[in-house]
Every structure is written in C-alpha cells, then in structure tokens.
Amino acid sequence: MHEIIQVLLALLAAVGLLALGWVLFGRLVTPVGENGGPVYAVVPADGGGDHLEQDVKGLLWLRGGELARFTIVIADNGLDESGRAVAAALLADSTGVVVCPGDRLGAYILGK
C-alpha cells in the first residue's frame, strides 16, 4: 500500500511540474503587447470566408486566456456577400476585431 501512495505522489509531482513548465513556456512565446508596440494577428480572407470563423474564434480563445493581447485584423482580399456576412457577424460578437481591405493592410498596421 505504501508503494502505491509513493507512485501516486510521484505521478502527481511530475504532472504538476509539467503543467508549470507548460505555463511558463507559454508566457515566453506568446506576444503580450505591453512594452513594445501594438501586436496584430492578421487573418487573410477571400471568397466566402472559408475557415474565417474558426480562425478568428481560435485567436479570440487565445486572447481570452490572457496569454496574448492583440488586435485581430481580417484582411479582406475579395470577400463576397456571404464572406462579408461572416466577417460582420464576427465584428458584432467581439471587440478587438477589425476588417481592413487587403491592399491597405500595411498602411493600417503602420498607422498611416
């Protein structure tokens, strides 16, 4: 019985160290956007906006966990009506999401 408790404690310690390492590594590699300039996540979109909702929702999940602070920019490279509807729904549902024409993306990011 004593050996089982030792194995369980060793397993819990290993899992705890792994979780701590994961959190610390995540803090090192995710952009926080505090001390430097603003951070942007650009999602190129065209046509019907295939995968646009999944990409933006994934970035919102990252931002919601406070691992990163950034503005999500949907680069409109020729969205059709259904793609614009998806982008409009994403804009209405969340803050920190903007739509920018693809040819003006550089000017938007540089603040011109």
Protein backbone atom coordinates (compact mmCIF):
# COMPACT_ATOMS: atom_id res chain seq x y z
CA MET A 1 0.00 0.00 0.00
CA HIS A 2 2.86 2.34 0.86
CA GLU A 3 4.40 1.82 -2.59
CA ILE A 4 1.13 2.75 -4.34
CA ILE A 5 0.95 6.04 -2.45
CA GLN A 6 4.57 6.81 -3.38
CA VAL A 7 3.85 6.11 -7.06
CA LEU A 8 0.74 8.31 -6.99
CA LEU A 9 2.62 11.16 -5.31
CA ALA A 10 5.45 10.88 -7.82
CA LEU A 11 2.94 10.92 -10.67
CA LEU A 12 1.17 13.99 -9.25
CA ALA A 13 4.50 15.78 -8.80
CA ALA A 14 5.51 15.01 -12.39
CA VAL A 15 2.17 16.26 -13.75
CA GLY A 16 2.45 19.40 -11.63
CA LEU A 17 5.95 20.14 -12.92
CA LEU A 18 4.82 19.53 -16.48
CA ALA A 19 1.88 21.93 -16.06
CA LEU A 20 4.12 24.59 -14.53
CA GLY A 21 6.61 24.22 -17.38
CA TRP A 22 3.80 24.48 -19.93
CA VAL A 23 2.50 27.72 -18.41
CA LEU A 24 5.97 29.27 -18.17
CA PHE A 25 6.82 28.27 -21.74
CA GLY A 26 3.51 29.72 -22.91
CA ARG A 27 4.34 33.02 -21.24
CA LEU A 28 7.69 33.11 -23.02
CA VAL A 29 6.42 32.50 -26.54
CA THR A 30 3.11 34.39 -26.67
CA PRO A 31 3.01 38.07 -27.59
CA VAL A 32 1.67 40.22 -24.79
CA GLY A 33 1.77 43.63 -26.49
CA GLU A 34 2.58 45.60 -23.34
CA ASN A 35 6.08 47.00 -23.55
CA GLY A 36 6.56 47.02 -27.30
CA GLY A 37 4.32 48.37 -29.98
CA PRO A 38 0.89 47.02 -30.79
CA VAL A 39 0.57 43.39 -31.85
CA TYR A 40 -1.70 42.34 -34.73
CA ALA A 41 -2.95 38.93 -35.78
CA VAL A 42 -3.82 39.08 -39.48
CA VAL A 43 -6.34 36.63 -40.91
CA PRO A 44 -6.46 36.77 -44.72
CA ALA A 45 -9.96 36.17 -46.09
CA ASP A 46 -11.40 35.89 -49.57
CA GLY A 47 -14.40 34.42 -51.32
CA GLY A 48 -16.98 33.01 -48.92
CA GLY A 49 -14.70 33.35 -45.91
CA ASP A 50 -13.88 29.65 -45.63
CA HIS A 51 -12.37 28.93 -42.20
CA LEU A 52 -12.67 32.62 -41.25
CA GLU A 53 -14.90 31.97 -38.27
CA GLN A 54 -12.73 29.13 -36.97
CA ASP A 55 -9.53 31.18 -37.32
CA VAL A 56 -10.95 34.23 -35.57
CA LYS A 57 -12.61 32.16 -32.81
CA GLY A 58 -9.29 30.40 -32.17
CA LEU A 59 -7.50 33.74 -31.85
CA LEU A 60 -10.25 35.03 -29.57
CA TRP A 61 -9.77 31.96 -27.38
CA LEU A 62 -6.05 32.72 -27.11
CA ARG A 63 -6.78 36.33 -26.26
CA GLY A 64 -9.47 35.34 -23.76
CA GLY A 65 -7.00 33.26 -21.79
CA GLU A 66 -4.89 36.38 -21.24
CA LEU A 67 -1.96 34.64 -22.91
CA ALA A 68 -1.79 37.34 -25.54
CA ARG A 69 -3.18 40.78 -26.23
CA PHE A 70 -3.54 41.68 -29.87
CA THR A 71 -5.92 43.15 -32.40
CA ILE A 72 -7.36 40.68 -34.89
CA VAL A 73 -7.32 42.12 -38.40
CA ILE A 74 -9.40 40.42 -41.08
CA ALA A 75 -7.65 41.26 -44.35
CA ASP A 76 -10.40 41.46 -46.98
CA ASN A 77 -8.82 40.10 -50.16
CA GLY A 78 -12.09 39.93 -52.08
CA LEU A 79 -14.80 38.63 -49.77
CA ASP A 80 -18.13 38.00 -51.44
CA GLU A 81 -21.53 38.68 -49.81
CA SER A 82 -21.51 35.54 -47.66
CA GLY A 83 -17.93 36.19 -46.58
CA ARG A 84 -18.78 39.77 -45.64
CA ALA A 85 -21.75 38.47 -43.63
CA VAL A 86 -19.44 36.14 -41.68
CA ALA A 87 -16.99 38.99 -41.05
CA ALA A 88 -19.82 41.30 -39.94
CA ALA A 89 -21.10 38.68 -37.51
CA LEU A 90 -17.62 38.29 -36.04
CA LEU A 91 -17.30 42.06 -35.68
CA ALA A 92 -20.64 42.28 -33.90
CA ASP A 93 -19.88 39.43 -31.49
CA SER A 94 -16.47 40.55 -30.20
CA THR A 95 -14.25 43.52 -29.54
CA GLY A 96 -10.76 43.98 -30.89
CA VAL A 97 -11.63 42.62 -34.34
CA VAL A 98 -11.42 44.87 -37.41
CA VAL A 99 -11.82 44.39 -41.15
CA CYS A 100 -9.32 46.05 -43.44
CA PRO A 101 -9.01 45.89 -47.24
CA GLY A 102 -6.07 43.68 -48.11
CA ASP A 103 -4.38 46.33 -50.22
CA ARG A 104 -4.44 48.82 -47.30
CA LEU A 105 -3.21 46.38 -44.66
CA GLY A 106 0.31 47.82 -44.48
CA ALA A 107 -1.00 51.35 -44.04
CA TYR A 108 -3.39 50.22 -41.31
CA ILE A 109 -0.72 48.38 -39.33
CA LEU A 110 1.77 51.21 -39.67
CA GLY A 111 -0.91 53.68 -38.59
CA LYS A 112 -0.88 55.79 -41.73
